[in-house]
């Protein structure tokens, strides 16, 4: 008689809330309604338009129903497994030890039906990888508690619950007023350019009798409405608070979003100052967070990082920088300008090409229409490389790139004297090695490196291969 083999019984899993298809399918109806408003032929025949809208709504719900039927989730001993997709099957396995934080969110439509979704901050995952929607609100809270216990143990779950209660009671460190958000958005270069072009189109069509058609203004109108919706509605009530796990942000009018900035996982910072903002003393601060920044999903901008401050005054920017990097003061760093011959490549912007270093970071600036200040921590430097194009060789100039994990930060010292650039590469490589030796290894995380350097570029010895804490 042969050996007895234990038969493995596959767990089927559970489905999400039955109203999930409707909550997810209403977006198709909104898109169809917008198309109806902009189509004169459909507006003249309301019967056909109504049938079309109903068909789109039903079709969206049916597609959502198919997605709901084939989506199941289950808890295993080490992970939560999510199977989805009716044409192409997809399986997500989220290990408990990779979960950094868990939030229960209620988007606007889901809130109307008492539903919620789980948003898990997963190290090394994208924004959509940790989403699981939708549940009843009480069911989502219960599942969140279960996952916290699995991921952090009883004490860890109790500590995170205590932190959330303390966060709700403690006053925030900083709050961004809604009127400043609106003013900053209206004064952004995208909105100003789109609004100007839209006004010209209206005047040309209605006054000058140019037969362009107002339908051509739809992209321009989106260029005005979309930034306002994203910045004002998305960042409404932006608050920055402190918890035992690091700084924590909360924002959103309809869809409240929370994000934690753990100490030690910050790879770099980016300060953006559009031209009009600079006149008012306003800036935006974004972060590269290990395992989170650098994703491009759900319609987000490429390489968009975590927002630390959507728009703030100079004193507020200095305050939040000091909270993230204790002891850091940007105003004390001596910045070195590019040589004057760089104006042959940047006739106007060469005056704003600078770099500076201290014991903690390297800082680079560029741009005169939209000033970008990149701040890179020495111990997060993955490599340093020098690049020189044919015109730069004739002028004796070169670029120095400091490579970090993917994210909005792009620390590049543009158009430096080639002798100065070579010395900067060697010096930054030494600073990176020395910083990795002195930084505690307890902040080691998985990161996603930049793509390989293009042919012809030279890399220094600042590769993180020598130190596993930067991988």
Protein backbone atom coordinates (compact mmCIF):
# COMPACT_ATOMS: atom_id res chain seq x y z
CA UNK A 1 0.00 0.00 0.00
CA UNK A 2 1.49 3.33 -1.05
CA UNK A 3 2.10 6.28 1.27
CA UNK A 4 -0.93 8.27 2.30
CA UNK A 5 -0.87 11.77 0.87
CA UNK A 6 -2.73 14.59 2.51
CA UNK A 7 -5.22 16.18 0.14
CA UNK A 8 -5.04 19.97 0.02
CA UNK A 9 -8.40 21.66 0.16
CA UNK A 10 -8.41 25.01 -1.65
CA UNK A 11 -10.15 27.81 0.17
CA UNK A 12 -12.72 29.39 -2.12
CA UNK A 13 -12.62 32.84 -0.54
CA UNK A 14 -15.26 35.50 -0.02
CA UNK A 15 -16.78 38.08 -2.31
CA UNK A 16 -17.02 41.79 -1.66
CA UNK A 17 -20.16 43.82 -0.94
CA UNK A 18 -22.94 43.09 -3.50
CA UNK A 19 -23.39 46.83 -4.24
CA UNK A 20 -19.75 47.12 -5.33
CA UNK A 21 -20.66 46.92 -9.07
CA UNK A 22 -23.00 49.91 -8.76
CA UNK A 23 -20.50 52.01 -6.79
CA UNK A 24 -17.78 51.30 -9.34
CA UNK A 25 -20.03 51.51 -12.42
CA UNK A 26 -21.50 54.97 -11.89
CA UNK A 27 -18.36 56.52 -13.39
CA UNK A 28 -19.34 55.27 -16.87
CA UNK A 29 -22.64 57.09 -16.51
CA UNK A 30 -20.87 60.36 -15.62
CA UNK A 31 -18.59 60.09 -18.66
CA UNK A 32 -21.58 59.45 -20.92
CA UNK A 33 -23.46 62.41 -19.44
CA UNK A 34 -20.48 64.71 -20.14
CA UNK A 35 -20.34 63.43 -23.71
CA UNK A 36 -24.08 64.14 -24.08
CA UNK A 37 -23.68 67.74 -22.95
CA UNK A 38 -20.97 68.32 -25.55
CA UNK A 39 -22.86 66.66 -28.44
CA UNK A 40 -25.43 68.89 -30.12
CA UNK A 41 -27.01 66.03 -32.08
CA UNK A 42 -27.76 64.02 -28.94
CA UNK A 43 -29.08 67.07 -27.08
CA UNK A 44 -31.67 67.62 -29.81
CA UNK A 45 -33.07 64.09 -29.40
CA UNK A 46 -33.59 63.52 -25.70
CA UNK A 47 -35.23 60.12 -26.21
CA UNK A 48 -32.18 58.65 -27.92
CA UNK A 49 -29.94 60.37 -25.38
CA UNK A 50 -31.90 58.91 -22.47
CA UNK A 51 -31.78 55.41 -23.93
CA UNK A 52 -28.05 55.81 -24.51
CA UNK A 53 -27.41 56.97 -20.95
CA UNK A 54 -29.46 54.09 -19.54
CA UNK A 55 -27.55 51.62 -21.73
CA UNK A 56 -24.23 53.02 -20.54
CA UNK A 57 -25.33 52.82 -16.91
CA UNK A 58 -26.56 49.23 -17.27
CA UNK A 59 -23.44 48.25 -19.21
CA UNK A 60 -21.19 49.77 -16.58
CA UNK A 61 -23.02 47.93 -13.82
CA UNK A 62 -22.83 44.65 -15.78
CA UNK A 63 -19.09 45.05 -16.26
CA UNK A 64 -18.77 45.82 -12.58
CA UNK A 65 -20.89 42.76 -11.75
CA UNK A 66 -18.58 40.53 -13.78
CA UNK A 67 -15.57 41.99 -11.99
CA UNK A 68 -17.30 41.53 -8.63
CA UNK A 69 -18.27 37.92 -9.35
CA UNK A 70 -14.71 36.90 -10.22
CA UNK A 71 -13.10 38.84 -7.35
CA UNK A 72 -12.58 36.89 -4.14
CA UNK A 73 -10.38 37.42 -1.13
CA UNK A 74 -9.18 35.12 1.62
CA UNK A 75 -6.86 35.17 4.61
CA UNK A 76 -4.05 32.62 4.83
CA UNK A 77 -1.53 32.04 7.60
CA UNK A 78 0.96 34.55 6.17
CA UNK A 79 -0.91 36.80 3.73
CA UNK A 80 -4.17 38.08 2.35
CA UNK A 81 -4.88 36.73 -1.14
CA UNK A 82 -7.03 38.54 -3.71
CA UNK A 83 -8.08 36.83 -6.98
CA UNK A 84 -9.65 39.05 -9.64
CA UNK A 85 -10.30 39.37 -13.38
CA UNK A 86 -12.76 37.56 -15.67
CA UNK A 87 -10.75 37.75 -18.91
CA UNK A 88 -7.24 37.83 -17.47
CA UNK A 89 -6.89 36.35 -14.02
CA UNK A 90 -4.79 38.24 -11.50
CA UNK A 91 -3.71 37.08 -8.05
CA UNK A 92 -2.38 39.48 -5.44
CA UNK A 93 -0.71 38.02 -2.36
CA UNK A 94 -0.05 40.70 0.25
CA UNK A 95 2.14 39.35 3.01
CA UNK A 96 1.35 40.56 6.51
CA UNK A 97 4.98 41.45 7.23
CA UNK A 98 4.95 43.88 4.25
CA UNK A 99 1.97 45.87 5.50
CA UNK A 100 3.07 49.23 6.91
CA UNK A 101 -0.32 50.74 7.79
CA UNK A 102 -4.02 50.12 7.12
CA UNK A 103 -6.74 52.74 6.70
CA UNK A 104 -10.49 52.46 6.25
CA UNK A 105 -11.56 54.98 3.58
CA UNK A 106 -15.01 56.01 2.42
CA UNK A 107 -15.14 57.62 -1.02
CA UNK A 108 -18.15 59.85 -1.60
CA UNK A 109 -20.43 57.37 -3.41
CA UNK A 110 -19.48 54.51 -1.10
CA UNK A 111 -20.24 56.70 1.91
CA UNK A 112 -23.83 57.14 0.69
CA UNK A 113 -24.38 53.37 0.95
CA UNK A 114 -22.50 52.85 4.22
CA UNK A 115 -19.61 51.13 2.45
CA UNK A 116 -15.85 51.47 2.79
CA UNK A 117 -12.61 50.19 1.32
CA UNK A 118 -9.37 49.02 2.90
CA UNK A 119 -6.20 50.83 1.88
CA UNK A 120 -3.06 49.01 2.87
CA UNK A 121 0.31 50.74 2.64
CA UNK A 122 2.42 47.86 1.31
CA UNK A 123 6.20 48.20 1.19
CA UNK A 124 7.34 47.90 -2.43
CA UNK A 125 3.77 48.00 -3.77
CA UNK A 126 1.85 50.50 -5.83
CA UNK A 127 -1.14 52.58 -4.79
CA UNK A 128 -3.71 50.13 -6.18
CA UNK A 129 -1.99 46.98 -4.94
CA UNK A 130 -3.15 47.55 -1.37
CA UNK A 131 -6.76 48.52 -2.18
CA UNK A 132 -9.65 46.20 -1.46
CA UNK A 133 -13.14 47.55 -2.05
CA UNK A 134 -15.92 47.52 -0.99
CA UNK A 135 -17.15 46.21 2.38
CA UNK A 136 -19.78 47.28 4.86
CA UNK A 137 -18.19 49.89 7.08
CA UNK A 138 -18.29 47.75 10.23
CA UNK A 139 -16.98 44.75 8.29
CA UNK A 140 -14.07 46.85 6.97
CA UNK A 141 -13.23 47.96 10.51
CA UNK A 142 -13.28 44.36 11.74
CA UNK A 143 -11.09 43.15 8.87
CA UNK A 144 -8.67 46.02 9.50
CA UNK A 145 -8.29 44.96 13.13
CA UNK A 146 -7.74 41.34 12.08
CA UNK A 147 -5.04 42.32 9.58
CA UNK A 148 -3.30 44.54 12.12
CA UNK A 149 -3.18 41.68 14.59
CA UNK A 150 -1.77 39.36 11.90
CA UNK A 151 0.77 41.96 10.73
CA UNK A 152 1.89 43.51 14.02
CA UNK A 153 0.59 41.22 16.76
CA UNK A 154 -1.84 42.13 19.52
CA UNK A 155 0.40 44.83 20.99
CA UNK A 156 1.17 46.34 17.59
CA UNK A 157 -2.52 46.49 16.67
CA UNK A 158 -3.41 48.08 20.00
CA UNK A 159 -0.58 50.59 19.55
CA UNK A 160 -1.81 51.61 16.07
CA UNK A 161 -5.38 51.94 17.31
CA UNK A 162 -4.11 54.10 20.19
CA UNK A 163 -2.11 56.22 17.74
CA UNK A 164 -5.18 56.87 15.61
CA UNK A 165 -7.20 57.91 18.63
CA UNK A 166 -4.39 60.17 19.84
CA UNK A 167 -4.09 61.65 16.34
CA UNK A 168 -7.79 62.49 16.31
CA UNK A 169 -7.51 64.29 19.67
CA UNK A 170 -4.11 65.98 19.29
CA UNK A 171 -3.92 69.35 17.47
CA UNK A 172 -2.29 69.14 14.00
CA UNK A 173 1.20 70.45 13.45
CA UNK A 174 0.12 72.35 10.34
CA UNK A 175 -3.08 73.02 8.38
CA UNK A 176 -3.31 74.39 4.83
CA UNK A 177 -6.21 76.89 4.39
CA UNK A 178 -8.64 76.15 1.56
CA UNK A 179 -8.42 79.70 0.20
CA UNK A 180 -4.66 79.29 -0.22
CA UNK A 181 -5.19 75.99 -2.04
CA UNK A 182 -7.65 77.66 -4.41
CA UNK A 183 -5.43 80.69 -4.98
CA UNK A 184 -2.36 78.56 -5.61
CA UNK A 185 -4.24 76.39 -8.10
CA UNK A 186 -5.69 79.35 -10.01
CA UNK A 187 -2.21 80.91 -10.20
CA UNK A 188 -0.50 77.74 -11.42
CA UNK A 189 0.99 77.85 -14.91
CA UNK A 190 -1.33 75.10 -16.23
CA UNK A 191 -4.54 76.84 -15.16
CA UNK A 192 -3.35 80.30 -16.26
CA UNK A 193 -2.33 79.04 -19.72
CA UNK A 194 -5.51 76.96 -20.19
CA UNK A 195 -7.79 79.78 -19.02
CA UNK A 196 -6.06 82.29 -21.32
CA UNK A 197 -6.39 80.00 -24.32
CA UNK A 198 -10.04 79.25 -23.48
CA UNK A 199 -10.90 82.96 -23.28
CA UNK A 200 -9.19 83.57 -26.62
CA UNK A 201 -11.17 80.69 -28.17
CA UNK A 202 -14.49 82.08 -26.89
CA UNK A 203 -13.69 85.56 -28.18
CA UNK A 204 -12.53 84.21 -31.55
CA UNK A 205 -15.69 82.12 -31.97
CA UNK A 206 -18.35 84.54 -30.74
CA UNK A 207 -16.91 87.98 -31.47
CA UNK A 208 -14.46 87.59 -34.33
CA UNK A 209 -16.69 84.98 -36.05
CA UNK A 210 -13.90 82.42 -36.41
CA UNK A 211 -15.52 79.03 -37.11
CA UNK A 212 -13.38 77.06 -34.70
CA UNK A 213 -16.20 75.64 -32.59
CA UNK A 214 -16.46 75.73 -28.86
CA UNK A 215 -16.08 71.93 -28.74
CA UNK A 216 -12.37 72.55 -29.34
CA UNK A 217 -12.27 74.24 -25.95
CA UNK A 218 -13.08 71.03 -24.05
CA UNK A 219 -9.39 70.10 -23.53
CA UNK A 220 -8.73 73.67 -22.38
CA UNK A 221 -11.70 73.51 -20.02
CA UNK A 222 -10.35 70.27 -18.58
CA UNK A 223 -7.02 72.03 -18.15
CA UNK A 224 -8.80 74.45 -15.79
CA UNK A 225 -11.23 72.13 -14.03
CA UNK A 226 -8.98 69.11 -13.52
CA UNK A 227 -6.23 70.90 -11.53
CA UNK A 228 -8.85 72.65 -9.39
CA UNK A 229 -10.58 69.36 -8.63
CA UNK A 230 -7.32 67.55 -7.94
CA UNK A 231 -5.70 70.22 -5.78
CA UNK A 232 -8.60 71.97 -4.05
CA UNK A 233 -10.96 69.02 -3.60
CA UNK A 234 -8.23 66.39 -3.27
CA UNK A 235 -6.19 68.42 -0.74
CA UNK A 236 -9.10 70.01 1.10
CA UNK A 237 -8.49 70.17 4.86
CA UNK A 238 -4.83 69.13 4.47
CA UNK A 239 -3.35 68.58 7.92
CA UNK A 240 0.03 67.39 9.07
CA UNK A 241 0.19 65.63 12.42
CA UNK A 242 2.60 63.45 14.33
CA UNK A 243 2.31 59.82 15.46
CA UNK A 244 4.65 57.25 16.90
CA UNK A 245 5.24 55.92 13.37
CA UNK A 246 6.25 59.31 11.92
CA UNK A 247 4.52 62.27 10.32
CA UNK A 248 0.96 61.65 9.08
CA UNK A 249 -1.00 63.58 6.48
CA UNK A 250 -4.76 63.75 6.04
CA UNK A 251 -6.52 65.36 3.08
CA UNK A 252 -9.59 65.23 0.86
CA UNK A 253 -13.13 66.57 0.77
CA UNK A 254 -15.09 63.60 -0.61
CA UNK A 255 -12.39 60.93 -0.47
CA UNK A 256 -10.37 61.33 2.72
CA UNK A 257 -6.82 60.03 2.28
CA UNK A 258 -4.24 59.42 4.99
CA UNK A 259 -0.58 58.65 4.59
CA UNK A 260 2.24 58.01 7.05
CA UNK A 261 5.81 59.21 6.48
CA UNK A 262 7.93 56.77 8.53
CA UNK A 263 11.35 58.04 9.66
CA UNK A 264 14.20 56.43 7.74
CA UNK A 265 12.18 55.70 4.59
CA UNK A 266 12.55 59.18 3.08
CA UNK A 267 14.86 58.97 0.05
CA UNK A 268 14.69 62.59 -1.06
CA UNK A 269 12.60 65.75 -1.20
CA UNK A 270 11.45 68.02 -4.01
CA UNK A 271 10.48 71.67 -3.55
CA UNK A 272 8.57 73.18 -6.50
CA UNK A 273 8.08 76.94 -6.88
CA UNK A 274 6.19 78.15 -9.98
CA UNK A 275 6.98 81.70 -11.07
CA UNK A 276 3.86 83.37 -9.63
CA UNK A 277 4.13 81.34 -6.44
CA UNK A 278 7.66 82.61 -5.87
CA UNK A 279 6.39 86.18 -5.87
CA UNK A 280 3.97 85.23 -3.07
CA UNK A 281 6.50 83.11 -1.18
CA UNK A 282 4.68 79.79 -1.78
CA UNK A 283 6.15 76.33 -2.41
CA UNK A 284 5.09 72.70 -2.71
CA UNK A 285 7.03 69.90 -0.99
CA UNK A 286 6.98 66.27 -2.14
CA UNK A 287 8.77 63.22 -0.77
CA UNK A 288 10.37 60.11 -2.19
CA UNK A 289 9.34 57.34 0.20
CA UNK A 290 11.03 53.96 -0.14
CA UNK A 291 8.71 51.40 -1.73
CA UNK A 292 5.93 53.95 -2.32
CA UNK A 293 7.15 56.83 -4.48
CA UNK A 294 7.79 56.41 -8.14
CA UNK A 295 4.55 54.64 -9.02
CA UNK A 296 2.38 55.73 -11.94
CA UNK A 297 -1.11 54.42 -11.41
CA UNK A 298 -4.76 55.43 -11.33
CA UNK A 299 -4.21 58.44 -13.54
CA UNK A 300 -1.52 60.00 -11.36
CA UNK A 301 1.34 61.98 -12.76
CA UNK A 302 4.51 60.13 -13.61
CA UNK A 303 6.84 59.66 -10.68
CA UNK A 304 4.58 61.55 -8.34
CA UNK A 305 5.69 61.32 -4.70
CA UNK A 306 3.97 61.68 -1.37
CA UNK A 307 2.78 65.22 -0.68
CA UNK A 308 4.26 66.65 2.47
CA UNK A 309 2.87 70.14 1.84
CA UNK A 310 0.65 70.98 -1.19
CA UNK A 311 1.32 74.71 -0.83
CA UNK A 312 2.98 76.52 2.03
CA UNK A 313 4.77 79.70 2.97
CA UNK A 314 8.55 79.77 3.34
CA UNK A 315 8.41 79.48 7.13
CA UNK A 316 6.11 76.45 6.87
CA UNK A 317 8.37 74.83 4.29
CA UNK A 318 11.39 75.30 6.58
CA UNK A 319 9.38 73.84 9.47
CA UNK A 320 8.32 70.65 7.67
CA UNK A 321 11.81 70.13 6.25
CA UNK A 322 13.22 70.29 9.76
CA UNK A 323 10.59 67.76 10.93
CA UNK A 324 11.60 65.28 8.23
CA UNK A 325 15.36 65.96 8.45
CA UNK A 326 16.20 67.01 12.02
CA UNK A 327 18.72 69.83 12.10
CA UNK A 328 18.39 70.60 8.38
CA UNK A 329 18.27 74.26 7.32
CA UNK A 330 18.19 74.88 3.57
CA UNK A 331 19.07 78.57 3.96
CA UNK A 332 22.44 77.70 5.52
CA UNK A 333 23.68 75.63 2.59
CA UNK A 334 26.11 77.47 0.34
CA UNK A 335 24.97 77.13 -3.26
CA UNK A 336 27.45 77.15 -6.14
CA UNK A 337 26.23 78.72 -9.43
CA UNK A 338 27.01 77.38 -12.90
CA UNK A 339 29.79 79.07 -14.91
CA UNK A 340 28.73 81.95 -17.15
CA UNK A 341 29.47 80.05 -20.36
CA UNK A 342 26.51 77.78 -19.51
CA UNK A 343 24.28 80.54 -20.94
CA UNK A 344 25.06 79.19 -24.42
CA UNK A 345 22.96 76.16 -23.46
CA UNK A 346 20.54 77.89 -21.05
CA UNK A 347 20.34 81.55 -22.18
CA UNK A 348 17.96 82.55 -19.36
CA UNK A 349 17.86 79.73 -16.88
CA UNK A 350 21.63 79.32 -16.41
CA UNK A 351 21.58 81.75 -13.47
CA UNK A 352 19.35 79.34 -11.54
CA UNK A 353 21.53 76.24 -11.99
CA UNK A 354 23.15 75.70 -8.60
CA UNK A 355 24.17 72.96 -6.21
CA UNK A 356 25.28 72.74 -2.60
CA UNK A 357 26.15 70.11 0.00
CA UNK A 358 26.38 69.72 3.75
CA UNK A 359 27.01 66.76 6.05
CA UNK A 360 23.52 65.37 5.51
CA UNK A 361 22.30 66.13 1.97
CA UNK A 362 23.12 67.33 -1.51
CA UNK A 363 20.88 70.05 -2.98
CA UNK A 364 20.43 71.05 -6.64
CA UNK A 365 18.23 73.75 -8.19
CA UNK A 366 17.12 74.50 -11.74
CA UNK A 367 14.34 76.25 -13.64
CA UNK A 368 13.29 79.89 -13.85
CA UNK A 369 9.63 79.42 -14.85
CA UNK A 370 9.12 76.63 -12.32
CA UNK A 371 11.96 76.37 -9.81
CA UNK A 372 12.77 72.80 -8.71
CA UNK A 373 14.94 72.19 -5.68
CA UNK A 374 15.97 68.54 -5.22
CA UNK A 375 17.31 67.34 -1.88
CA UNK A 376 19.00 63.94 -1.69
CA UNK A 377 20.27 62.30 1.48
CA UNK A 378 23.87 61.12 1.18
CA UNK A 379 23.20 57.64 2.56
CA UNK A 380 20.36 57.13 0.04
CA UNK A 381 22.63 57.81 -2.94
CA UNK A 382 22.70 54.77 -5.22
CA UNK A 383 25.27 56.02 -7.71
CA UNK A 384 26.88 59.20 -9.01
CA UNK A 385 27.57 59.66 -12.70
CA UNK A 386 29.02 62.28 -15.01
CA UNK A 387 27.52 62.96 -18.44
CA UNK A 388 28.86 65.21 -21.18
CA UNK A 389 27.29 65.92 -24.57
CA UNK A 390 29.18 67.07 -27.69
CA UNK A 391 28.34 70.77 -27.21
CA UNK A 392 29.19 70.51 -23.53
CA UNK A 393 32.60 69.08 -24.45
CA UNK A 394 33.27 72.10 -26.66
CA UNK A 395 32.33 74.40 -23.78
CA UNK A 396 34.13 72.39 -21.11
CA UNK A 397 30.91 71.60 -19.23
CA UNK A 398 29.37 68.41 -17.80
CA UNK A 399 26.33 67.23 -15.81
CA UNK A 400 26.54 65.38 -12.50
CA UNK A 401 23.61 63.05 -11.71
CA UNK A 402 22.97 61.70 -8.22
CA UNK A 403 20.84 58.58 -8.67
CA UNK A 404 18.26 57.65 -6.05
CA UNK A 405 15.26 55.26 -6.04
CA UNK A 406 12.46 56.19 -8.43
CA UNK A 407 10.47 59.27 -7.46
CA UNK A 408 9.99 62.95 -8.29
CA UNK A 409 13.40 63.95 -6.93
CA UNK A 410 15.95 64.46 -9.70
CA UNK A 411 19.21 65.75 -8.23
CA UNK A 412 21.29 66.88 -11.21
CA UNK A 413 23.98 69.55 -11.15
CA UNK A 414 23.64 70.85 -14.71
CA UNK A 415 26.39 72.43 -16.81
CA UNK A 416 29.24 72.44 -14.32
CA UNK A 417 32.84 73.07 -15.27
CA UNK A 418 34.16 69.64 -16.27
CA UNK A 419 37.00 69.74 -13.74
CA UNK A 420 34.57 70.77 -11.00
CA UNK A 421 32.13 68.04 -12.14
CA UNK A 422 34.78 65.31 -11.91
CA UNK A 423 35.73 66.45 -8.42
CA UNK A 424 32.04 66.55 -7.39
CA UNK A 425 31.50 62.96 -8.56
CA UNK A 426 34.42 61.70 -6.48
CA UNK A 427 33.46 63.78 -3.44
CA UNK A 428 29.80 62.74 -3.51
CA UNK A 429 30.77 59.07 -3.84
CA UNK A 430 32.96 59.41 -0.73
CA UNK A 431 30.18 61.21 1.16
CA UNK A 432 27.70 58.47 0.24
CA UNK A 433 30.01 55.67 1.41
CA UNK A 434 30.80 57.42 4.67
CA UNK A 435 27.12 58.23 5.32
CA UNK A 436 26.10 54.58 4.82
CA UNK A 437 28.68 53.51 7.37
CA UNK A 438 27.29 55.85 10.02
CA UNK A 439 23.54 55.48 9.44
CA UNK A 440 21.82 52.77 11.50
CA UNK A 441 20.87 49.67 9.52
CA UNK A 442 17.45 49.51 11.18
CA UNK A 443 15.95 51.58 8.37
CA UNK A 444 16.82 49.02 5.68
CA UNK A 445 14.02 48.71 3.09
CA UNK A 446 13.38 47.31 -0.37
CA UNK A 447 13.68 49.98 -3.02
CA UNK A 448 13.27 50.08 -6.78
CA UNK A 449 16.44 51.32 -8.48
CA UNK A 450 16.54 53.66 -11.43
CA UNK A 451 16.91 52.23 -14.93
CA UNK A 452 20.48 51.55 -16.10
CA UNK A 453 22.51 54.57 -17.14
CA UNK A 454 22.65 55.27 -20.88
CA UNK A 455 25.75 54.22 -22.75
CA UNK A 456 28.57 56.66 -22.53
CA UNK A 457 27.98 57.72 -18.93
CA UNK A 458 30.52 56.99 -16.23
CA UNK A 459 29.46 55.70 -12.82
CA UNK A 460 31.35 56.20 -9.60
CA UNK A 461 31.88 53.71 -6.83
CA UNK A 462 28.90 54.97 -4.86
CA UNK A 463 26.82 51.93 -5.79
CA UNK A 464 24.72 50.57 -2.95
CA UNK A 465 26.01 47.09 -3.68
CA UNK A 466 28.63 47.70 -1.03
CA UNK A 467 25.96 48.24 1.62
CA UNK A 468 22.77 46.16 1.80
CA UNK A 469 21.01 48.79 3.89
CA UNK A 470 20.36 50.86 0.77
CA UNK A 471 18.82 48.15 -1.30
